[in-house]
Amino acid sequence: MTIPQLHIGAGTQLGSLTIFPVWTNASGQLGISTGTGSQLEVTELASGPQVGKLSISNHGSKPALLVEGELLEGGHQHRVCAADVILGVGERREVETFCIEQGRWGGSSSHSRTARRAPLSVRAELHTPAKGNRQGRIWERISRHQGVSGSSPTGSLVELLNASRNRTIPQQFRLPLPLEGQRGVILGLEGEALMIEVFGTHSLFLRHYGQLADAVAMDLQLFATVPEAATPAQEVRQLAATLGDLRIAPFGDNVFTVRDHETLKSESFSAQNGCQTVTGIRVAIRNRTPQFAHLSVWNMKHPRMASI
């Protein structure tokens, strides 16, 4: 299975960050919901709260996509979804999470959910090699926003994001409006490509673009002292071109990783392509070629990857 060809539009510079729109030649109908369009219920585990897991139930009429980096707010502490997940209609399962509120443990068992995303500076840690104290590194990344985006006595990323949203963002730091048919973005930082995020359809992308814009606004406050440098279009096109040579095992090659949701099947995947990490989730609908529902690519050799 190969990654669909990416078509890249003109970049828009936002200080040290440059954003490029992305289109693909993949099919545009998947029949799944996501973001605020999905009816997902999030609670602590019935057996008792655990930092690294939450229980998610899909009460909607379609399979639902929960994306990595999505905030799960409330409960005993705020969490962030660690990886892409698809839940079938009526399905309930435990999902891997990380804590994004170091100083609180206790409260209600239920979570609110507005499909907000963690900033790039935190999401980057979800894509670094899983070794050592990853949870500690996530807390450290969140602490960098203290005093920049706002303040939180419990080290809550949610409170810092709320404070960031209440600030007036200069027009030159606001993401451009999404374009017709757009499926994703490539983001460059300080003149070098940092990451790619692509959804399987235009509607899935639209469900998360506003939340991405809010999260990136928080990053821009953190990057305020980073030298402003546009990322050249050729730089991101080279990154995208290398993905065309990446071969991912065929869908269902490992039967133990496939989940059946009746109307479709899903399978999480990860791959390494030189200095790039590639993760996401793909779906298979009867009589159709398997397709990616969500895909993230991070440039691990970016000089800011460990420090943003």
Foldseek 3Di string as FASTA:
>chain_A
DAAFAKDWDDWAFQFQKIKIFIFGPFDADDFEAEFPRWDKWWFADPVDHDQFKIKIFGQDPTKYKQAFQWWWADAQAIWTFLHIDIAFHGDMDMGTIAGQFQQTGDDHGTTDGRRAGAAPLLSLLSQDPPDDCSNVLSLVSLVLLDVQQHHDPRNHSVVSLVSNVPDDQDPSNFDDDDDPWTFWMWMDGNQATFKTKGFNHPVNCVSCPVSNRSNVSSVCSSCVVPHGDYHDPVRVVVVSVLSRPDDDPAPCPPVVQWDDNPQKIKGWDWDDRPQKIKTAMWIGGPPDGIDTRMMMIGRNPDPCSSPD
